[in-house]
Amino acid sequence: GHIPKDLIDKGNAIALEGGTPLAVA
């Protein structure tokens, strides 16, 4: 499959805000 370019950046942004990112595929 294909990995979106903004996946890691948006995941890190959530972590920086104190949250936990869960990916949906």
mmCIF file of all heavy atoms, coordinates in Angstrom:
data_MODEL
# 
_entry.id   MODEL 
# 
loop_
_atom_site.group_PDB 
_atom_site.id 
_atom_site.type_symbol 
_atom_site.label_atom_id 
_atom_site.label_alt_id 
_atom_site.label_comp_id 
_atom_site.label_asym_id 
_atom_site.label_entity_id 
_atom_site.label_seq_id 
_atom_site.pdbx_PDB_ins_code 
_atom_site.Cartn_x 
_atom_site.Cartn_y 
_atom_site.Cartn_z 
_atom_site.occupancy 
_atom_site.B_iso_or_equiv 
_atom_site.pdbx_formal_charge 
_atom_site.auth_seq_id 
_atom_site.auth_comp_id 
_atom_site.auth_asym_id 
_atom_site.auth_atom_id 
_atom_site.pdbx_PDB_model_num 
ATOM 1   N N   . GLY A 1 1  ? 0.804  -1.218 0.000  1.00 0.00 ? 1  GLY A N   1 
ATOM 2   C CA  . GLY A 1 1  ? 0.000  0.000  0.000  1.00 0.00 ? 1  GLY A CA  1 
ATOM 3   C C   . GLY A 1 1  ? 0.834  1.264  0.000  1.00 0.00 ? 1  GLY A C   1 
ATOM 4   O O   . GLY A 1 1  ? 2.069  1.244  0.118  1.00 0.00 ? 1  GLY A O   1 
ATOM 5   N N   . HIS A 1 2  ? 0.134  2.406  -0.099 1.00 0.00 ? 2  HIS A N   1 
ATOM 6   C CA  . HIS A 1 2  ? 0.774  3.719  -0.188 1.00 0.00 ? 2  HIS A CA  1 
ATOM 7   C C   . HIS A 1 2  ? 0.668  4.439  1.160  1.00 0.00 ? 2  HIS A C   1 
ATOM 8   O O   . HIS A 1 2  ? -0.385 4.435  1.799  1.00 0.00 ? 2  HIS A O   1 
ATOM 9   C CB  . HIS A 1 2  ? 0.094  4.553  -1.285 1.00 0.00 ? 2  HIS A CB  1 
ATOM 10  C CG  . HIS A 1 2  ? 0.566  5.967  -1.332 1.00 0.00 ? 2  HIS A CG  1 
ATOM 11  N ND1 . HIS A 1 2  ? 1.839  6.305  -1.723 1.00 0.00 ? 2  HIS A ND1 1 
ATOM 12  C CD2 . HIS A 1 2  ? -0.077 7.141  -1.031 1.00 0.00 ? 2  HIS A CD2 1 
ATOM 13  C CE1 . HIS A 1 2  ? 1.962  7.624  -1.668 1.00 0.00 ? 2  HIS A CE1 1 
ATOM 14  N NE2 . HIS A 1 2  ? 0.815  8.149  -1.243 1.00 0.00 ? 2  HIS A NE2 1 
ATOM 15  N N   . ILE A 1 3  ? 1.739  5.094  1.573  1.00 0.00 ? 3  ILE A N   1 
ATOM 16  C CA  . ILE A 1 3  ? 1.770  5.829  2.837  1.00 0.00 ? 3  ILE A CA  1 
ATOM 17  C C   . ILE A 1 3  ? 1.659  7.320  2.536  1.00 0.00 ? 3  ILE A C   1 
ATOM 18  O O   . ILE A 1 3  ? 2.532  7.887  1.858  1.00 0.00 ? 3  ILE A O   1 
ATOM 19  C CB  . ILE A 1 3  ? 3.071  5.557  3.624  1.00 0.00 ? 3  ILE A CB  1 
ATOM 20  C CG1 . ILE A 1 3  ? 3.286  4.049  3.819  1.00 0.00 ? 3  ILE A CG1 1 
ATOM 21  C CG2 . ILE A 1 3  ? 3.033  6.293  4.961  1.00 0.00 ? 3  ILE A CG2 1 
ATOM 22  C CD1 . ILE A 1 3  ? 2.174  3.357  4.577  1.00 0.00 ? 3  ILE A CD1 1 
ATOM 23  N N   . PRO A 1 4  ? 0.606  7.982  3.001  1.00 0.00 ? 4  PRO A N   1 
ATOM 24  C CA  . PRO A 1 4  ? 0.451  9.432  2.753  1.00 0.00 ? 4  PRO A CA  1 
ATOM 25  C C   . PRO A 1 4  ? 1.634  10.211 3.312  1.00 0.00 ? 4  PRO A C   1 
ATOM 26  O O   . PRO A 1 4  ? 2.166  9.886  4.386  1.00 0.00 ? 4  PRO A O   1 
ATOM 27  C CB  . PRO A 1 4  ? -0.844 9.773  3.497  1.00 0.00 ? 4  PRO A CB  1 
ATOM 28  C CG  . PRO A 1 4  ? -1.591 8.479  3.578  1.00 0.00 ? 4  PRO A CG  1 
ATOM 29  C CD  . PRO A 1 4  ? -0.536 7.422  3.726  1.00 0.00 ? 4  PRO A CD  1 
ATOM 30  N N   . LYS A 1 5  ? 2.036  11.269 2.611  1.00 0.00 ? 5  LYS A N   1 
ATOM 31  C CA  . LYS A 1 5  ? 3.206  12.048 3.015  1.00 0.00 ? 5  LYS A CA  1 
ATOM 32  C C   . LYS A 1 5  ? 3.001  12.773 4.350  1.00 0.00 ? 5  LYS A C   1 
ATOM 33  O O   . LYS A 1 5  ? 3.961  13.005 5.084  1.00 0.00 ? 5  LYS A O   1 
ATOM 34  C CB  . LYS A 1 5  ? 3.545  13.063 1.920  1.00 0.00 ? 5  LYS A CB  1 
ATOM 35  C CG  . LYS A 1 5  ? 3.999  12.422 0.613  1.00 0.00 ? 5  LYS A CG  1 
ATOM 36  C CD  . LYS A 1 5  ? 4.328  13.496 -0.417 1.00 0.00 ? 5  LYS A CD  1 
ATOM 37  C CE  . LYS A 1 5  ? 4.795  12.862 -1.720 1.00 0.00 ? 5  LYS A CE  1 
ATOM 38  N NZ  . LYS A 1 5  ? 5.103  13.890 -2.755 1.00 0.00 ? 5  LYS A NZ  1 
ATOM 39  N N   . ASP A 1 6  ? 1.776  13.142 4.620  1.00 0.00 ? 6  ASP A N   1 
ATOM 40  C CA  . ASP A 1 6  ? 1.531  13.937 5.833  1.00 0.00 ? 6  ASP A CA  1 
ATOM 41  C C   . ASP A 1 6  ? 1.187  13.079 7.057  1.00 0.00 ? 6  ASP A C   1 
ATOM 42  O O   . ASP A 1 6  ? 0.851  13.606 8.121  1.00 0.00 ? 6  ASP A O   1 
ATOM 43  C CB  . ASP A 1 6  ? 0.413  14.950 5.600  1.00 0.00 ? 6  ASP A CB  1 
ATOM 44  C CG  . ASP A 1 6  ? -0.874 14.293 5.109  1.00 0.00 ? 6  ASP A CG  1 
ATOM 45  O OD1 . ASP A 1 6  ? -0.851 13.087 4.796  1.00 0.00 ? 6  ASP A OD1 1 
ATOM 46  O OD2 . ASP A 1 6  ? -1.904 15.000 5.046  1.00 0.00 ? 6  ASP A OD2 1 
ATOM 47  N N   . LEU A 1 7  ? 1.257  11.757 6.930  1.00 0.00 ? 7  LEU A N   1 
ATOM 48  C CA  . LEU A 1 7  ? 0.878  10.873 8.038  1.00 0.00 ? 7  LEU A CA  1 
ATOM 49  C C   . LEU A 1 7  ? 1.772  11.096 9.264  1.00 0.00 ? 7  LEU A C   1 
ATOM 50  O O   . LEU A 1 7  ? 1.279  11.310 10.382 1.00 0.00 ? 7  LEU A O   1 
ATOM 51  C CB  . LEU A 1 7  ? 0.964  9.407  7.597  1.00 0.00 ? 7  LEU A CB  1 
ATOM 52  C CG  . LEU A 1 7  ? 0.696  8.374  8.710  1.00 0.00 ? 7  LEU A CG  1 
ATOM 53  C CD1 . LEU A 1 7  ? -0.748 8.440  9.161  1.00 0.00 ? 7  LEU A CD1 1 
ATOM 54  C CD2 . LEU A 1 7  ? 1.050  6.963  8.222  1.00 0.00 ? 7  LEU A CD2 1 
ATOM 55  N N   . ILE A 1 8  ? 3.096  11.042 9.047  1.00 0.00 ? 8  ILE A N   1 
ATOM 56  C CA  . ILE A 1 8  ? 4.029  11.158 10.172 1.00 0.00 ? 8  ILE A CA  1 
ATOM 57  C C   . ILE A 1 8  ? 3.945  12.541 10.812 1.00 0.00 ? 8  ILE A C   1 
ATOM 58  O O   . ILE A 1 8  ? 3.942  12.674 12.043 1.00 0.00 ? 8  ILE A O   1 
ATOM 59  C CB  . ILE A 1 8  ? 5.466  10.856 9.721  1.00 0.00 ? 8  ILE A CB  1 
ATOM 60  C CG1 . ILE A 1 8  ? 5.548  9.440  9.115  1.00 0.00 ? 8  ILE A CG1 1 
ATOM 61  C CG2 . ILE A 1 8  ? 6.431  10.996 10.896 1.00 0.00 ? 8  ILE A CG2 1 
ATOM 62  C CD1 . ILE A 1 8  ? 5.135  8.348  10.080 1.00 0.00 ? 8  ILE A CD1 1 
ATOM 63  N N   . ASP A 1 9  ? 3.871  13.584 9.985  1.00 0.00 ? 9  ASP A N   1 
ATOM 64  C CA  . ASP A 1 9  ? 3.820  14.951 10.522 1.00 0.00 ? 9  ASP A CA  1 
ATOM 65  C C   . ASP A 1 9  ? 2.570  15.168 11.372 1.00 0.00 ? 9  ASP A C   1 
ATOM 66  O O   . ASP A 1 9  ? 2.641  15.757 12.462 1.00 0.00 ? 9  ASP A O   1 
ATOM 67  C CB  . ASP A 1 9  ? 3.851  15.968 9.379  1.00 0.00 ? 9  ASP A CB  1 
ATOM 68  C CG  . ASP A 1 9  ? 5.214  16.016 8.696  1.00 0.00 ? 9  ASP A CG  1 
ATOM 69  O OD1 . ASP A 1 9  ? 6.192  15.563 9.326  1.00 0.00 ? 9  ASP A OD1 1 
ATOM 70  O OD2 . ASP A 1 9  ? 5.288  16.504 7.555  1.00 0.00 ? 9  ASP A OD2 1 
ATOM 71  N N   . LYS A 1 10 ? 1.429  14.684 10.876 1.00 0.00 ? 10 LYS A N   1 
ATOM 72  C CA  . LYS A 1 10 ? 0.191  14.872 11.639 1.00 0.00 ? 10 LYS A CA  1 
ATOM 73  C C   . LYS A 1 10 ? 0.188  14.011 12.903 1.00 0.00 ? 10 LYS A C   1 
ATOM 74  O O   . LYS A 1 10 ? -0.361 14.411 13.936 1.00 0.00 ? 10 LYS A O   1 
ATOM 75  C CB  . LYS A 1 10 ? -1.018 14.559 10.761 1.00 0.00 ? 10 LYS A CB  1 
ATOM 76  C CG  . LYS A 1 10 ? -1.260 15.615 9.689  1.00 0.00 ? 10 LYS A CG  1 
ATOM 77  C CD  . LYS A 1 10 ? -2.560 15.392 8.937  1.00 0.00 ? 10 LYS A CD  1 
ATOM 78  C CE  . LYS A 1 10 ? -2.822 16.531 7.961  1.00 0.00 ? 10 LYS A CE  1 
ATOM 79  N NZ  . LYS A 1 10 ? -4.099 16.376 7.219  1.00 0.00 ? 10 LYS A NZ  1 
ATOM 80  N N   . GLY A 1 11 ? 0.817  12.823 12.810 1.00 0.00 ? 11 GLY A N   1 
ATOM 81  C CA  . GLY A 1 11 ? 0.926  11.987 14.004 1.00 0.00 ? 11 GLY A CA  1 
ATOM 82  C C   . GLY A 1 11 ? 1.789  12.648 15.067 1.00 0.00 ? 11 GLY A C   1 
ATOM 83  O O   . GLY A 1 11 ? 1.452  12.650 16.261 1.00 0.00 ? 11 GLY A O   1 
ATOM 84  N N   . ASN A 1 12 ? 2.925  13.249 14.645 1.00 0.00 ? 12 ASN A N   1 
ATOM 85  C CA  . ASN A 1 12 ? 3.800  13.951 15.588 1.00 0.00 ? 12 ASN A CA  1 
ATOM 86  C C   . ASN A 1 12 ? 3.114  15.179 16.182 1.00 0.00 ? 12 ASN A C   1 
ATOM 87  O O   . ASN A 1 12 ? 3.320  15.516 17.359 1.00 0.00 ? 12 ASN A O   1 
ATOM 88  C CB  . ASN A 1 12 ? 5.105  14.363 14.906 1.00 0.00 ? 12 ASN A CB  1 
ATOM 89  C CG  . ASN A 1 12 ? 6.006  13.170 14.611 1.00 0.00 ? 12 ASN A CG  1 
ATOM 90  O OD1 . ASN A 1 12 ? 5.864  12.116 15.224 1.00 0.00 ? 12 ASN A OD1 1 
ATOM 91  N ND2 . ASN A 1 12 ? 6.918  13.332 13.661 1.00 0.00 ? 12 ASN A ND2 1 
ATOM 92  N N   . ALA A 1 13 ? 2.302  15.840 15.377 1.00 0.00 ? 13 ALA A N   1 
ATOM 93  C CA  . ALA A 1 13 ? 1.589  17.029 15.862 1.00 0.00 ? 13 ALA A CA  1 
ATOM 94  C C   . ALA A 1 13 ? 0.624  16.653 16.990 1.00 0.00 ? 13 ALA A C   1 
ATOM 95  O O   . ALA A 1 13 ? 0.490  17.367 17.985 1.00 0.00 ? 13 ALA A O   1 
ATOM 96  C CB  . ALA A 1 13 ? 0.830  17.690 14.710 1.00 0.00 ? 13 ALA A CB  1 
ATOM 97  N N   . ILE A 1 14 ? -0.050 15.514 16.818 1.00 0.00 ? 14 ILE A N   1 
ATOM 98  C CA  . ILE A 1 14 ? -0.965 15.042 17.875 1.00 0.00 ? 14 ILE A CA  1 
ATOM 99  C C   . ILE A 1 14 ? -0.179 14.704 19.140 1.00 0.00 ? 14 ILE A C   1 
ATOM 100 O O   . ILE A 1 14 ? -0.584 15.048 20.254 1.00 0.00 ? 14 ILE A O   1 
ATOM 101 C CB  . ILE A 1 14 ? -1.763 13.816 17.384 1.00 0.00 ? 14 ILE A CB  1 
ATOM 102 C CG1 . ILE A 1 14 ? -2.751 14.236 16.283 1.00 0.00 ? 14 ILE A CG1 1 
ATOM 103 C CG2 . ILE A 1 14 ? -2.497 13.141 18.541 1.00 0.00 ? 14 ILE A CG2 1 
ATOM 104 C CD1 . ILE A 1 14 ? -3.470 13.071 15.626 1.00 0.00 ? 14 ILE A CD1 1 
ATOM 105 N N   . ALA A 1 15 ? 0.977  14.033 18.965 1.00 0.00 ? 15 ALA A N   1 
ATOM 106 C CA  . ALA A 1 15 ? 1.805  13.673 20.119 1.00 0.00 ? 15 ALA A CA  1 
ATOM 107 C C   . ALA A 1 15 ? 2.316  14.914 20.838 1.00 0.00 ? 15 ALA A C   1 
ATOM 108 O O   . ALA A 1 15 ? 2.377  14.948 22.077 1.00 0.00 ? 15 ALA A O   1 
ATOM 109 C CB  . ALA A 1 15 ? 2.973  12.804 19.665 1.00 0.00 ? 15 ALA A CB  1 
ATOM 110 N N   . LEU A 1 16 ? 2.676  15.960 20.078 1.00 0.00 ? 16 LEU A N   1 
ATOM 111 C CA  . LEU A 1 16 ? 3.150  17.194 20.677 1.00 0.00 ? 16 LEU A CA  1 
ATOM 112 C C   . LEU A 1 16 ? 2.083  17.869 21.533 1.00 0.00 ? 16 LEU A C   1 
ATOM 113 O O   . LEU A 1 16 ? 2.391  18.592 22.482 1.00 0.00 ? 16 LEU A O   1 
ATOM 114 C CB  . LEU A 1 16 ? 3.632  18.160 19.590 1.00 0.00 ? 16 LEU A CB  1 
ATOM 115 C CG  . LEU A 1 16 ? 5.028  17.895 19.013 1.00 0.00 ? 16 LEU A CG  1 
ATOM 116 C CD1 . LEU A 1 16 ? 5.297  18.792 17.820 1.00 0.00 ? 16 LEU A CD1 1 
ATOM 117 C CD2 . LEU A 1 16 ? 6.087  18.114 20.090 1.00 0.00 ? 16 LEU A CD2 1 
ATOM 118 N N   . GLU A 1 17 ? 0.842  17.644 21.194 1.00 0.00 ? 17 GLU A N   1 
ATOM 119 C CA  . GLU A 1 17 ? -0.263 18.222 21.958 1.00 0.00 ? 17 GLU A CA  1 
ATOM 120 C C   . GLU A 1 17 ? -0.674 17.339 23.127 1.00 0.00 ? 17 GLU A C   1 
ATOM 121 O O   . GLU A 1 17 ? -1.646 17.626 23.817 1.00 0.00 ? 17 GLU A O   1 
ATOM 122 C CB  . GLU A 1 17 ? -1.465 18.450 21.032 1.00 0.00 ? 17 GLU A CB  1 
ATOM 123 C CG  . GLU A 1 17 ? -1.219 19.515 19.968 1.00 0.00 ? 17 GLU A CG  1 
ATOM 124 C CD  . GLU A 1 17 ? -2.414 19.675 19.026 1.00 0.00 ? 17 GLU A CD  1 
ATOM 125 O OE1 . GLU A 1 17 ? -3.445 19.022 19.273 1.00 0.00 ? 17 GLU A OE1 1 
ATOM 126 O OE2 . GLU A 1 17 ? -2.311 20.453 18.067 1.00 0.00 ? 17 GLU A OE2 1 
ATOM 127 N N   . GLY A 1 18 ? 0.086  16.265 23.354 1.00 0.00 ? 18 GLY A N   1 
ATOM 128 C CA  . GLY A 1 18 ? -0.202 15.398 24.482 1.00 0.00 ? 18 GLY A CA  1 
ATOM 129 C C   . GLY A 1 18 ? -1.181 14.291 24.184 1.00 0.00 ? 18 GLY A C   1 
ATOM 130 O O   . GLY A 1 18 ? -1.624 13.588 25.093 1.00 0.00 ? 18 GLY A O   1 
ATOM 131 N N   . GLY A 1 19 ? -1.514 14.106 22.904 1.00 0.00 ? 19 GLY A N   1 
ATOM 132 C CA  . GLY A 1 19 ? -2.467 13.067 22.536 1.00 0.00 ? 19 GLY A CA  1 
ATOM 133 C C   . GLY A 1 19 ? -1.790 11.821 22.010 1.00 0.00 ? 19 GLY A C   1 
ATOM 134 O O   . GLY A 1 19 ? -0.566 11.746 21.908 1.00 0.00 ? 19 GLY A O   1 
ATOM 135 N N   . THR A 1 20 ? -2.613 10.839 21.669 1.00 0.00 ? 20 THR A N   1 
ATOM 136 C CA  . THR A 1 20 ? -2.121 9.587  21.092 1.00 0.00 ? 20 THR A CA  1 
ATOM 137 C C   . THR A 1 20 ? -2.788 9.398  19.737 1.00 0.00 ? 20 THR A C   1 
ATOM 138 O O   . THR A 1 20 ? -4.018 9.348  19.661 1.00 0.00 ? 20 THR A O   1 
ATOM 139 C CB  . THR A 1 20 ? -2.463 8.390  21.996 1.00 0.00 ? 20 THR A CB  1 
ATOM 140 O OG1 . THR A 1 20 ? -1.868 8.589  23.274 1.00 0.00 ? 20 THR A OG1 1 
ATOM 141 C CG2 . THR A 1 20 ? -1.948 7.091  21.387 1.00 0.00 ? 20 THR A CG2 1 
ATOM 142 N N   . PRO A 1 21 ? -2.006 9.288  18.660 1.00 0.00 ? 21 PRO A N   1 
ATOM 143 C CA  . PRO A 1 21 ? -2.595 9.095  17.332 1.00 0.00 ? 21 PRO A CA  1 
ATOM 144 C C   . PRO A 1 21 ? -2.821 7.619  17.032 1.00 0.00 ? 21 PRO A C   1 
ATOM 145 O O   . PRO A 1 21 ? -1.940 6.784  17.256 1.00 0.00 ? 21 PRO A O   1 
ATOM 146 C CB  . PRO A 1 21 ? -1.550 9.688  16.389 1.00 0.00 ? 21 PRO A CB  1 
ATOM 147 C CG  . PRO A 1 21 ? -0.253 9.503  17.109 1.00 0.00 ? 21 PRO A CG  1 
ATOM 148 C CD  . PRO A 1 21 ? -0.557 9.543  18.581 1.00 0.00 ? 21 PRO A CD  1 
ATOM 149 N N   . LEU A 1 22 ? -4.012 7.259  16.545 1.00 0.00 ? 22 LEU A N   1 
ATOM 150 C CA  . LEU A 1 22 ? -4.304 5.914  16.060 1.00 0.00 ? 22 LEU A CA  1 
ATOM 151 C C   . LEU A 1 22 ? -4.585 6.017  14.566 1.00 0.00 ? 22 LEU A C   1 
ATOM 152 O O   . LEU A 1 22 ? -5.474 6.770  14.156 1.00 0.00 ? 22 LEU A O   1 
ATOM 153 C CB  . LEU A 1 22 ? -5.530 5.324  16.770 1.00 0.00 ? 22 LEU A CB  1 
ATOM 154 C CG  . LEU A 1 22 ? -5.408 4.943  18.252 1.00 0.00 ? 22 LEU A CG  1 
ATOM 155 C CD1 . LEU A 1 22 ? -6.701 4.280  18.709 1.00 0.00 ? 22 LEU A CD1 1 
ATOM 156 C CD2 . LEU A 1 22 ? -4.235 4.014  18.489 1.00 0.00 ? 22 LEU A CD2 1 
ATOM 157 N N   . ALA A 1 23 ? -3.819 5.270  13.776 1.00 0.00 ? 23 ALA A N   1 
ATOM 158 C CA  . ALA A 1 23 ? -4.030 5.294  12.325 1.00 0.00 ? 23 ALA A CA  1 
ATOM 159 C C   . ALA A 1 23 ? -5.162 4.347  11.950 1.00 0.00 ? 23 ALA A C   1 
ATOM 160 O O   . ALA A 1 23 ? -5.342 3.290  12.576 1.00 0.00 ? 23 ALA A O   1 
ATOM 161 C CB  . ALA A 1 23 ? -2.751 4.892  11.604 1.00 0.00 ? 23 ALA A CB  1 
ATOM 162 N N   . VAL A 1 24 ? -5.946 4.714  10.934 1.00 0.00 ? 24 VAL A N   1 
ATOM 163 C CA  . VAL A 1 24 ? -7.059 3.889  10.444 1.00 0.00 ? 24 VAL A CA  1 
ATOM 164 C C   . VAL A 1 24 ? -6.775 3.542  8.981  1.00 0.00 ? 24 VAL A C   1 
ATOM 165 O O   . VAL A 1 24 ? -6.537 4.435  8.154  1.00 0.00 ? 24 VAL A O   1 
ATOM 166 C CB  . VAL A 1 24 ? -8.405 4.636  10.549 1.00 0.00 ? 24 VAL A CB  1 
ATOM 167 C CG1 . VAL A 1 24 ? -9.536 3.774  9.991  1.00 0.00 ? 24 VAL A CG1 1 
ATOM 168 C CG2 . VAL A 1 24 ? -8.687 5.022  11.996 1.00 0.00 ? 24 VAL A CG2 1 
ATOM 169 N N   . ALA A 1 25 ? -6.789 2.234  8.678  1.00 0.00 ? 25 ALA A N   1 
ATOM 170 C CA  . ALA A 1 25 ? -6.479 1.803  7.312  1.00 0.00 ? 25 ALA A CA  1 
ATOM 171 C C   . ALA A 1 25 ? -7.438 0.707  6.874  1.00 0.00 ? 25 ALA A C   1 
ATOM 172 O O   . ALA A 1 25 ? -7.972 -0.053 7.701  1.00 0.00 ? 25 ALA A O   1 
ATOM 173 C CB  . ALA A 1 25 ? -5.042 1.295  7.229  1.00 0.00 ? 25 ALA A CB  1 
# 
